[in-house]
Amino acid sequence: MKIKLDTMGVAHKLNKHTIEGLEVADLNSYDFIELPKIYTKENMPVSQTHIPTTEDIPRWSHLNGVSLRQTDSEVGILIANNVPGVAETFI
């Protein structure tokens, strides 16, 4: 599929694959949520340093009371604001 990505006024045309029916689970595999259509990207410009830690929480008042489990993982998926149920399901 060809998509047009417009970021800060600059349009990019990209060839991507789509995935439908993907579900994600919390770290305990207790709560699940189905994601909308997913667009793939071979490499994402993120690393482990972008994964928030418990020490990062005080910087954002809206995350007060949220606890994070430390993880030694890579970033494999970014979930955007078009999946509003993620916050209610996993926090």
PDB file of N, CA and C in Angstrom:
ATOM      1  N   MET A   1       0.844  -1.170   0.000  1.00  0.00           N
ATOM      2  CA  MET A   1       0.000   0.000   0.000  1.00  0.00           C
ATOM      3  C   MET A   1       0.885   1.227   0.000  1.00  0.00           C
ATOM      4  N   LYS A   2       0.459   2.263  -0.665  1.00  0.00           N
ATOM      5  CA  LYS A   2       1.168   3.534  -0.665  1.00  0.00           C
ATOM      6  C   LYS A   2       0.429   4.498   0.254  1.00  0.00           C
ATOM      7  N   ILE A   3       1.168   5.128   1.153  1.00  0.00           N
ATOM      8  CA  ILE A   3       0.545   6.098   2.046  1.00  0.00           C
ATOM      9  C   ILE A   3       1.294   7.425   1.933  1.00  0.00           C
ATOM     10  N   LYS A   4       0.590   8.487   2.271  1.00  0.00           N
ATOM     11  CA  LYS A   4       1.189   9.821   2.290  1.00  0.00           C
ATOM     12  C   LYS A   4       1.239  10.261   3.744  1.00  0.00           C
ATOM     13  N   LEU A   5       2.420  10.521   4.238  1.00  0.00           N
ATOM     14  CA  LEU A   5       2.628  10.948   5.608  1.00  0.00           C
ATOM     15  C   LEU A   5       2.997  12.418   5.588  1.00  0.00           C
ATOM     16  N   ASP A   6       2.215  13.233   6.263  1.00  0.00           N
ATOM     17  CA  ASP A   6       2.459  14.673   6.300  1.00  0.00           C
ATOM     18  C   ASP A   6       2.878  15.045   7.712  1.00  0.00           C
ATOM     19  N   THR A   7       4.154  15.372   7.881  1.00  0.00           N
ATOM     20  CA  THR A   7       4.693  15.717   9.181  1.00  0.00           C
ATOM     21  C   THR A   7       5.230  17.138   9.153  1.00  0.00           C
ATOM     22  N   MET A   8       4.659  17.995   9.955  1.00  0.00           N
ATOM     23  CA  MET A   8       5.066  19.395  10.056  1.00  0.00           C
ATOM     24  C   MET A   8       5.119  20.065   8.684  1.00  0.00           C
ATOM     25  N   GLY A   9       4.096  19.784   7.877  1.00  0.00           N
ATOM     26  CA  GLY A   9       3.968  20.437   6.590  1.00  0.00           C
ATOM     27  C   GLY A   9       4.788  19.843   5.463  1.00  0.00           C
ATOM     28  N   VAL A  10       5.521  18.764   5.742  1.00  0.00           N
ATOM     29  CA  VAL A  10       6.332  18.116   4.709  1.00  0.00           C
ATOM     30  C   VAL A  10       5.716  16.750   4.404  1.00  0.00           C
ATOM     31  N   ALA A  11       5.316  16.549   3.160  1.00  0.00           N
ATOM     32  CA  ALA A  11       4.670  15.295   2.766  1.00  0.00           C
ATOM     33  C   ALA A  11       5.705  14.283   2.277  1.00  0.00           C
ATOM     34  N   HIS A  12       5.511  13.034   2.684  1.00  0.00           N
ATOM     35  CA  HIS A  12       6.366  11.929   2.252  1.00  0.00           C
ATOM     36  C   HIS A  12       5.456  10.823   1.745  1.00  0.00           C
ATOM     37  N   LYS A  13       5.767  10.253   0.595  1.00  0.00           N
ATOM     38  CA  LYS A  13       5.030   9.103   0.085  1.00  0.00           C
ATOM     39  C   LYS A  13       5.842   7.855   0.400  1.00  0.00           C
ATOM     40  N   LEU A  14       5.186   6.878   1.019  1.00  0.00           N
ATOM     41  CA  LEU A  14       5.868   5.680   1.483  1.00  0.00           C
ATOM     42  C   LEU A  14       5.145   4.434   1.002  1.00  0.00           C
ATOM     43  N   ASN A  15       5.910   3.396   0.685  1.00  0.00           N
ATOM     44  CA  ASN A  15       5.342   2.084   0.402  1.00  0.00           C
ATOM     45  C   ASN A  15       5.379   1.288   1.698  1.00  0.00           C
ATOM     46  N   LYS A  16       4.240   0.824   2.158  1.00  0.00           N
ATOM     47  CA  LYS A  16       4.138   0.117   3.435  1.00  0.00           C
ATOM     48  C   LYS A  16       3.240  -1.098   3.298  1.00  0.00           C
ATOM     49  N   HIS A  17       3.380  -1.999   4.257  1.00  0.00           N
ATOM     50  CA  HIS A  17       2.462  -3.123   4.387  1.00  0.00           C
ATOM     51  C   HIS A  17       1.500  -2.790   5.524  1.00  0.00           C
ATOM     52  N   THR A  18       0.347  -3.425   5.520  1.00  0.00           N
ATOM     53  CA  THR A  18      -0.600  -3.231   6.616  1.00  0.00           C
ATOM     54  C   THR A  18      -0.862  -4.570   7.293  1.00  0.00           C
ATOM     55  N   ILE A  19      -1.201  -4.491   8.572  1.00  0.00           N
ATOM     56  CA  ILE A  19      -1.555  -5.666   9.362  1.00  0.00           C
ATOM     57  C   ILE A  19      -2.874  -5.361  10.044  1.00  0.00           C
ATOM     58  N   GLU A  20      -3.811  -6.292   9.981  1.00  0.00           N
ATOM     59  CA  GLU A  20      -5.088  -6.111  10.670  1.00  0.00           C
ATOM     60  C   GLU A  20      -5.299  -7.245  11.660  1.00  0.00           C
ATOM     61  N   GLY A  21      -6.035  -6.963  12.732  1.00  0.00           N
ATOM     62  CA  GLY A  21      -6.365  -7.984  13.723  1.00  0.00           C
ATOM     63  C   GLY A  21      -5.291  -8.182  14.777  1.00  0.00           C
ATOM     64  N   LEU A  22      -4.350  -7.258  14.919  1.00  0.00           N
ATOM     65  CA  LEU A  22      -3.283  -7.379  15.907  1.00  0.00           C
ATOM     66  C   LEU A  22      -3.805  -6.980  17.280  1.00  0.00           C
ATOM     67  N   GLU A  23      -3.475  -7.766  18.288  1.00  0.00           N
ATOM     68  CA  GLU A  23      -3.823  -7.450  19.668  1.00  0.00           C
ATOM     69  C   GLU A  23      -2.548  -7.269  20.470  1.00  0.00           C
ATOM     70  N   VAL A  24      -2.594  -6.394  21.471  1.00  0.00           N
ATOM     71  CA  VAL A  24      -1.487  -6.232  22.404  1.00  0.00           C
ATOM     72  C   VAL A  24      -2.007  -6.537  23.803  1.00  0.00           C
ATOM     73  N   ALA A  25      -1.085  -6.983  24.653  1.00  0.00           N
ATOM     74  CA  ALA A  25      -1.449  -7.340  26.029  1.00  0.00           C
ATOM     75  C   ALA A  25      -0.568  -6.577  26.998  1.00  0.00           C
ATOM     76  N   ASP A  26      -1.047  -6.470  28.236  1.00  0.00           N
ATOM     77  CA  ASP A  26      -0.212  -5.874  29.262  1.00  0.00           C
ATOM     78  C   ASP A  26       0.916  -6.857  29.599  1.00  0.00           C
ATOM     79  N   LEU A  27       1.851  -6.428  30.446  1.00  0.00           N
ATOM     80  CA  LEU A  27       3.020  -7.259  30.738  1.00  0.00           C
ATOM     81  C   LEU A  27       2.667  -8.558  31.455  1.00  0.00           C
ATOM     82  N   ASN A  28       1.483  -8.629  32.060  1.00  0.00           N
ATOM     83  CA  ASN A  28       1.049  -9.854  32.733  1.00  0.00           C
ATOM     84  C   ASN A  28       0.196 -10.737  31.832  1.00  0.00           C
ATOM     85  N   SER A  29      -0.040 -10.294  30.604  1.00  0.00           N
ATOM     86  CA  SER A  29      -0.915 -10.989  29.646  1.00  0.00           C
ATOM     87  C   SER A  29      -2.316 -11.189  30.218  1.00  0.00           C
ATOM     88  N   TYR A  30      -2.779 -10.184  30.965  1.00  0.00           N
ATOM     89  CA  TYR A  30      -4.104 -10.250  31.569  1.00  0.00           C
ATOM     90  C   TYR A  30      -5.117  -9.445  30.768  1.00  0.00           C
ATOM     91  N   ASP A  31      -4.757  -8.223  30.411  1.00  0.00           N
ATOM     92  CA  ASP A  31      -5.642  -7.354  29.637  1.00  0.00           C
ATOM     93  C   ASP A  31      -5.154  -7.279  28.197  1.00  0.00           C
ATOM     94  N   PHE A  32      -6.097  -7.361  27.247  1.00  0.00           N
ATOM     95  CA  PHE A  32      -5.788  -7.299  25.823  1.00  0.00           C
ATOM     96  C   PHE A  32      -6.601  -6.190  25.182  1.00  0.00           C
ATOM     97  N   ILE A  33      -6.062  -5.626  24.103  1.00  0.00           N
ATOM     98  CA  ILE A  33      -6.810  -4.650  23.323  1.00  0.00           C
ATOM     99  C   ILE A  33      -6.456  -4.865  21.855  1.00  0.00           C
ATOM    100  N   GLU A  34      -7.491  -4.822  21.001  1.00  0.00           N
ATOM    101  CA  GLU A  34      -7.265  -4.973  19.566  1.00  0.00           C
ATOM    102  C   GLU A  34      -6.903  -3.617  18.978  1.00  0.00           C
ATOM    103  N   LEU A  35      -5.876  -3.613  18.148  1.00  0.00           N
ATOM    104  CA  LEU A  35      -5.426  -2.377  17.516  1.00  0.00           C
ATOM    105  C   LEU A  35      -6.097  -2.194  16.166  1.00  0.00           C
ATOM    106  N   PRO A  36      -6.245  -0.947  15.730  1.00  0.00           N
ATOM    107  CA  PRO A  36      -6.763  -0.717  14.374  1.00  0.00           C
ATOM    108  C   PRO A  36      -5.706  -1.155  13.359  1.00  0.00           C
ATOM    109  N   LYS A  37      -5.975  -0.933  12.103  1.00  0.00           N
ATOM    110  CA  LYS A  37      -5.024  -1.301  11.048  1.00  0.00           C
ATOM    111  C   LYS A  37      -3.645  -0.728  11.365  1.00  0.00           C
ATOM    112  N   ILE A  38      -2.623  -1.573  11.239  1.00  0.00           N
ATOM    113  CA  ILE A  38      -1.242  -1.202  11.542  1.00  0.00           C
ATOM    114  C   ILE A  38      -0.480  -0.983  10.244  1.00  0.00           C
ATOM    115  N   TYR A  39       0.341   0.056  10.210  1.00  0.00           N
ATOM    116  CA  TYR A  39       1.224   0.319   9.077  1.00  0.00           C
ATOM    117  C   TYR A  39       2.650  -0.008   9.510  1.00  0.00           C
ATOM    118  N   THR A  40       3.355  -0.770   8.709  1.00  0.00           N
ATOM    119  CA  THR A  40       4.689  -1.209   9.078  1.00  0.00           C
ATOM    120  C   THR A  40       5.753  -0.198   8.666  1.00  0.00           C
ATOM    121  N   LYS A  41       6.869  -0.284   9.349  1.00  0.00           N
ATOM    122  CA  LYS A  41       8.061   0.500   9.013  1.00  0.00           C
ATOM    123  C   LYS A  41       9.253  -0.369   9.367  1.00  0.00           C
ATOM    124  N   GLU A  42      10.199  -0.489   8.448  1.00  0.00           N
ATOM    125  CA  GLU A  42      11.320  -1.397   8.680  1.00  0.00           C
ATOM    126  C   GLU A  42      12.145  -1.005   9.896  1.00  0.00           C
ATOM    127  N   ASN A  43      12.446   0.272  10.039  1.00  0.00           N
ATOM    128  CA  ASN A  43      13.223   0.753  11.176  1.00  0.00           C
ATOM    129  C   ASN A  43      12.514   1.942  11.801  1.00  0.00           C
ATOM    130  N   MET A  44      12.494   1.951  13.138  1.00  0.00           N
ATOM    131  CA  MET A  44      11.900   3.084  13.835  1.00  0.00           C
ATOM    132  C   MET A  44      13.014   3.896  14.471  1.00  0.00           C
ATOM    133  N   PRO A  45      12.903   5.214  14.442  1.00  0.00           N
ATOM    134  CA  PRO A  45      13.960   6.056  15.004  1.00  0.00           C
ATOM    135  C   PRO A  45      13.846   6.179  16.524  1.00  0.00           C
ATOM    136  N   VAL A  46      13.813   5.041  17.216  1.00  0.00           N
ATOM    137  CA  VAL A  46      13.740   5.015  18.678  1.00  0.00           C
ATOM    138  C   VAL A  46      14.686   3.939  19.201  1.00  0.00           C
ATOM    139  N   SER A  47      15.038   4.060  20.472  1.00  0.00           N
ATOM    140  CA  SER A  47      15.905   3.071  21.101  1.00  0.00           C
ATOM    141  C   SER A  47      15.438   2.840  22.531  1.00  0.00           C
ATOM    142  N   GLN A  48      16.160   2.005  23.271  1.00  0.00           N
ATOM    143  CA  GLN A  48      15.803   1.739  24.664  1.00  0.00           C
ATOM    144  C   GLN A  48      15.838   3.003  25.514  1.00  0.00           C
ATOM    145  N   THR A  49      16.628   3.978  25.129  1.00  0.00           N
ATOM    146  CA  THR A  49      16.701   5.219  25.912  1.00  0.00           C
ATOM    147  C   THR A  49      15.394   6.008  25.855  1.00  0.00           C
ATOM    148  N   HIS A  50      14.519   5.698  24.892  1.00  0.00           N
ATOM    149  CA  HIS A  50      13.229   6.370  24.776  1.00  0.00           C
ATOM    150  C   HIS A  50      12.152   5.716  25.644  1.00  0.00           C
ATOM    151  N   ILE A  51      12.423   4.556  26.217  1.00  0.00           N
ATOM    152  CA  ILE A  51      11.447   3.862  27.060  1.00  0.00           C
ATOM    153  C   ILE A  51      11.434   4.542  28.428  1.00  0.00           C
ATOM    154  N   PRO A  52      10.279   5.056  28.867  1.00  0.00           N
ATOM    155  CA  PRO A  52      10.231   5.745  30.161  1.00  0.00           C
ATOM    156  C   PRO A  52      10.527   4.800  31.325  1.00  0.00           C
ATOM    157  N   THR A  53      11.032   5.366  32.394  1.00  0.00           N
ATOM    158  CA  THR A  53      11.312   4.613  33.617  1.00  0.00           C
ATOM    159  C   THR A  53      10.527   5.244  34.764  1.00  0.00           C
ATOM    160  N   THR A  54      10.540   4.580  35.902  1.00  0.00           N
ATOM    161  CA  THR A  54       9.858   5.102  37.086  1.00  0.00           C
ATOM    162  C   THR A  54      10.419   6.469  37.462  1.00  0.00           C
ATOM    163  N   GLU A  55      11.706   6.668  37.246  1.00  0.00           N
ATOM    164  CA  GLU A  55      12.323   7.959  37.574  1.00  0.00           C
ATOM    165  C   GLU A  55      11.808   9.083  36.677  1.00  0.00           C
ATOM    166  N   ASP A  56      11.278   8.752  35.515  1.00  0.00           N
ATOM    167  CA  ASP A  56      10.756   9.770  34.598  1.00  0.00           C
ATOM    168  C   ASP A  56       9.360  10.266  34.997  1.00  0.00           C
ATOM    169  N   ILE A  57       8.606   9.476  35.736  1.00  0.00           N
ATOM    170  CA  ILE A  57       7.205   9.776  36.050  1.00  0.00           C
ATOM    171  C   ILE A  57       6.999  11.155  36.674  1.00  0.00           C
ATOM    172  N   PRO A  58       7.790  11.592  37.659  1.00  0.00           N
ATOM    173  CA  PRO A  58       7.531  12.901  38.283  1.00  0.00           C
ATOM    174  C   PRO A  58       7.574  14.081  37.308  1.00  0.00           C
ATOM    175  N   ARG A  59       8.178  13.920  36.156  1.00  0.00           N
ATOM    176  CA  ARG A  59       8.246  15.017  35.185  1.00  0.00           C
ATOM    177  C   ARG A  59       6.898  15.291  34.531  1.00  0.00           C
ATOM    178  N   TRP A  60       5.960  14.350  34.596  1.00  0.00           N
ATOM    179  CA  TRP A  60       4.654  14.505  33.955  1.00  0.00           C
ATOM    180  C   TRP A  60       3.566  14.303  35.006  1.00  0.00           C
ATOM    181  N   SER A  61       2.933  15.383  35.428  1.00  0.00           N
ATOM    182  CA  SER A  61       1.950  15.321  36.511  1.00  0.00           C
ATOM    183  C   SER A  61       0.764  14.432  36.164  1.00  0.00           C
ATOM    184  N   HIS A  62       0.394  14.322  34.883  1.00  0.00           N
ATOM    185  CA  HIS A  62      -0.754  13.494  34.515  1.00  0.00           C
ATOM    186  C   HIS A  62      -0.458  11.997  34.694  1.00  0.00           C
ATOM    187  N   LEU A  63       0.799  11.628  34.942  1.00  0.00           N
ATOM    188  CA  LEU A  63       1.151  10.227  35.191  1.00  0.00           C
ATOM    189  C   LEU A  63       1.331   9.933  36.675  1.00  0.00           C
ATOM    190  N   ASN A  64       0.953  10.894  37.528  1.00  0.00           N
ATOM    191  CA  ASN A  64       1.057  10.698  38.966  1.00  0.00           C
ATOM    192  C   ASN A  64       0.323   9.426  39.383  1.00  0.00           C
ATOM    193  N   GLY A  65       0.994   8.573  40.115  1.00  0.00           N
ATOM    194  CA  GLY A  65       0.387   7.328  40.575  1.00  0.00           C
ATOM    195  C   GLY A  65       0.620   6.147  39.655  1.00  0.00           C
ATOM    196  N   VAL A  66       1.190   6.375  38.494  1.00  0.00           N
ATOM    197  CA  VAL A  66       1.480   5.284  37.562  1.00  0.00           C
ATOM    198  C   VAL A  66       2.817   4.663  37.943  1.00  0.00           C
ATOM    199  N   SER A  67       2.869   3.343  37.981  1.00  0.00           N
ATOM    200  CA  SER A  67       4.140   2.676  38.229  1.00  0.00           C
ATOM    201  C   SER A  67       4.531   1.891  36.985  1.00  0.00           C
ATOM    202  N   LEU A  68       5.808   1.875  36.708  1.00  0.00           N
ATOM    203  CA  LEU A  68       6.317   1.188  35.530  1.00  0.00           C
ATOM    204  C   LEU A  68       7.253   0.066  35.944  1.00  0.00           C
ATOM    205  N   ARG A  69       7.121  -1.050  35.285  1.00  0.00           N
ATOM    206  CA  ARG A  69       8.033  -2.155  35.507  1.00  0.00           C
ATOM    207  C   ARG A  69       9.242  -1.953  34.603  1.00  0.00           C
ATOM    208  N   GLN A  70      10.438  -2.140  35.163  1.00  0.00           N
ATOM    209  CA  GLN A  70      11.647  -2.051  34.352  1.00  0.00           C
ATOM    210  C   GLN A  70      11.650  -3.197  33.348  1.00  0.00           C
ATOM    211  N   THR A  71      12.074  -2.913  32.141  1.00  0.00           N
ATOM    212  CA  THR A  71      12.112  -3.928  31.099  1.00  0.00           C
ATOM    213  C   THR A  71      13.389  -3.798  30.292  1.00  0.00           C
ATOM    214  N   ASP A  72      13.909  -4.907  29.859  1.00  0.00           N
ATOM    215  CA  ASP A  72      15.079  -4.927  28.990  1.00  0.00           C
ATOM    216  C   ASP A  72      14.594  -5.319  27.604  1.00  0.00           C
ATOM    217  N   SER A  73      13.845  -4.419  26.967  1.00  0.00           N
ATOM    218  CA  SER A  73      13.185  -4.701  25.697  1.00  0.00           C
ATOM    219  C   SER A  73      13.563  -3.667  24.656  1.00  0.00           C
ATOM    220  N   GLU A  74      13.297  -4.003  23.433  1.00  0.00           N
ATOM    221  CA  GLU A  74      13.433  -3.067  22.328  1.00  0.00           C
ATOM    222  C   GLU A  74      12.051  -2.498  22.026  1.00  0.00           C
ATOM    223  N   VAL A  75      12.006  -1.326  21.414  1.00  0.00           N
ATOM    224  CA  VAL A  75      10.747  -0.749  20.976  1.00  0.00           C
ATOM    225  C   VAL A  75      10.373  -1.413  19.662  1.00  0.00           C
ATOM    226  N   GLY A  76       9.229  -2.101  19.652  1.00  0.00           N
ATOM    227  CA  GLY A  76       8.807  -2.816  18.459  1.00  0.00           C
ATOM    228  C   GLY A  76       7.518  -2.289  17.865  1.00  0.00           C
ATOM    229  N   ILE A  77       6.803  -1.462  18.636  1.00  0.00           N
ATOM    230  CA  ILE A  77       5.540  -0.919  18.146  1.00  0.00           C
ATOM    231  C   ILE A  77       5.297   0.420  18.824  1.00  0.00           C
ATOM    232  N   LEU A  78       4.803   1.370  18.069  1.00  0.00           N
ATOM    233  CA  LEU A  78       4.395   2.661  18.618  1.00  0.00           C
ATOM    234  C   LEU A  78       2.882   2.748  18.486  1.00  0.00           C
ATOM    235  N   ILE A  79       2.200   3.040  19.587  1.00  0.00           N
ATOM    236  CA  ILE A  79       0.749   3.141  19.578  1.00  0.00           C
ATOM    237  C   ILE A  79       0.397   4.618  19.694  1.00  0.00           C
ATOM    238  N   ALA A  80      -0.324   5.112  18.706  1.00  0.00           N
ATOM    239  CA  ALA A  80      -0.613   6.547  18.631  1.00  0.00           C
ATOM    240  C   ALA A  80      -1.928   6.887  19.329  1.00  0.00           C
ATOM    241  N   ASN A  81      -2.327   8.148  19.200  1.00  0.00           N
ATOM    242  CA  ASN A  81      -3.534   8.629  19.870  1.00  0.00           C
ATOM    243  C   ASN A  81      -4.815   8.136  19.215  1.00  0.00           C
ATOM    244  N   ASN A  82      -4.721   7.344  18.151  1.00  0.00           N
ATOM    245  CA  ASN A  82      -5.937   6.775  17.549  1.00  0.00           C
ATOM    246  C   ASN A  82      -6.353   5.486  18.248  1.00  0.00           C
ATOM    247  N   VAL A  83      -5.719   5.158  19.379  1.00  0.00           N
ATOM    248  CA  VAL A  83      -6.086   3.988  20.181  1.00  0.00           C
ATOM    249  C   VAL A  83      -6.313   4.456  21.622  1.00  0.00           C
ATOM    250  N   PRO A  84      -7.375   5.216  21.855  1.00  0.00           N
ATOM    251  CA  PRO A  84      -7.577   5.813  23.172  1.00  0.00           C
ATOM    252  C   PRO A  84      -7.821   4.790  24.281  1.00  0.00           C
ATOM    253  N   GLY A  85      -8.270   3.595  23.972  1.00  0.00           N
ATOM    254  CA  GLY A  85      -8.540   2.600  24.998  1.00  0.00           C
ATOM    255  C   GLY A  85      -7.317   2.034  25.659  1.00  0.00           C
ATOM    256  N   VAL A  86      -6.140   2.266  25.110  1.00  0.00           N
ATOM    257  CA  VAL A  86      -4.914   1.730  25.689  1.00  0.00           C
ATOM    258  C   VAL A  86      -4.706   2.263  27.101  1.00  0.00           C
ATOM    259  N   ALA A  87      -4.864   3.544  27.296  1.00  0.00           N
ATOM    260  CA  ALA A  87      -4.641   4.126  28.614  1.00  0.00           C
ATOM    261  C   ALA A  87      -5.597   3.550  29.646  1.00  0.00           C
ATOM    262  N   GLU A  88      -6.865   3.435  29.310  1.00  0.00           N
ATOM    263  CA  GLU A  88      -7.841   2.916  30.260  1.00  0.00           C
ATOM    264  C   GLU A  88      -7.609   1.438  30.544  1.00  0.00           C
ATOM    265  N   THR A  89      -7.142   0.680  29.572  1.00  0.00           N
ATOM    266  CA  THR A  89      -6.962  -0.757  29.730  1.00  0.00           C
ATOM    267  C   THR A  89      -5.699  -1.101  30.491  1.00  0.00           C
ATOM    268  N   PHE A  90      -4.610  -0.398  30.225  1.00  0.00           N
ATOM    269  CA  PHE A  90      -3.319  -0.801  30.755  1.00  0.00           C
ATOM    270  C   PHE A  90      -2.802   0.012  31.922  1.00  0.00           C
ATOM    271  N   ILE A  91      -3.452   1.125  32.273  1.00  0.00           N
ATOM    272  CA  ILE A  91      -2.963   1.928  33.394  1.00  0.00           C
ATOM    273  C   ILE A  91      -3.922   1.790  34.550  1.00  0.00           C
TER     274      ILE A  91
END
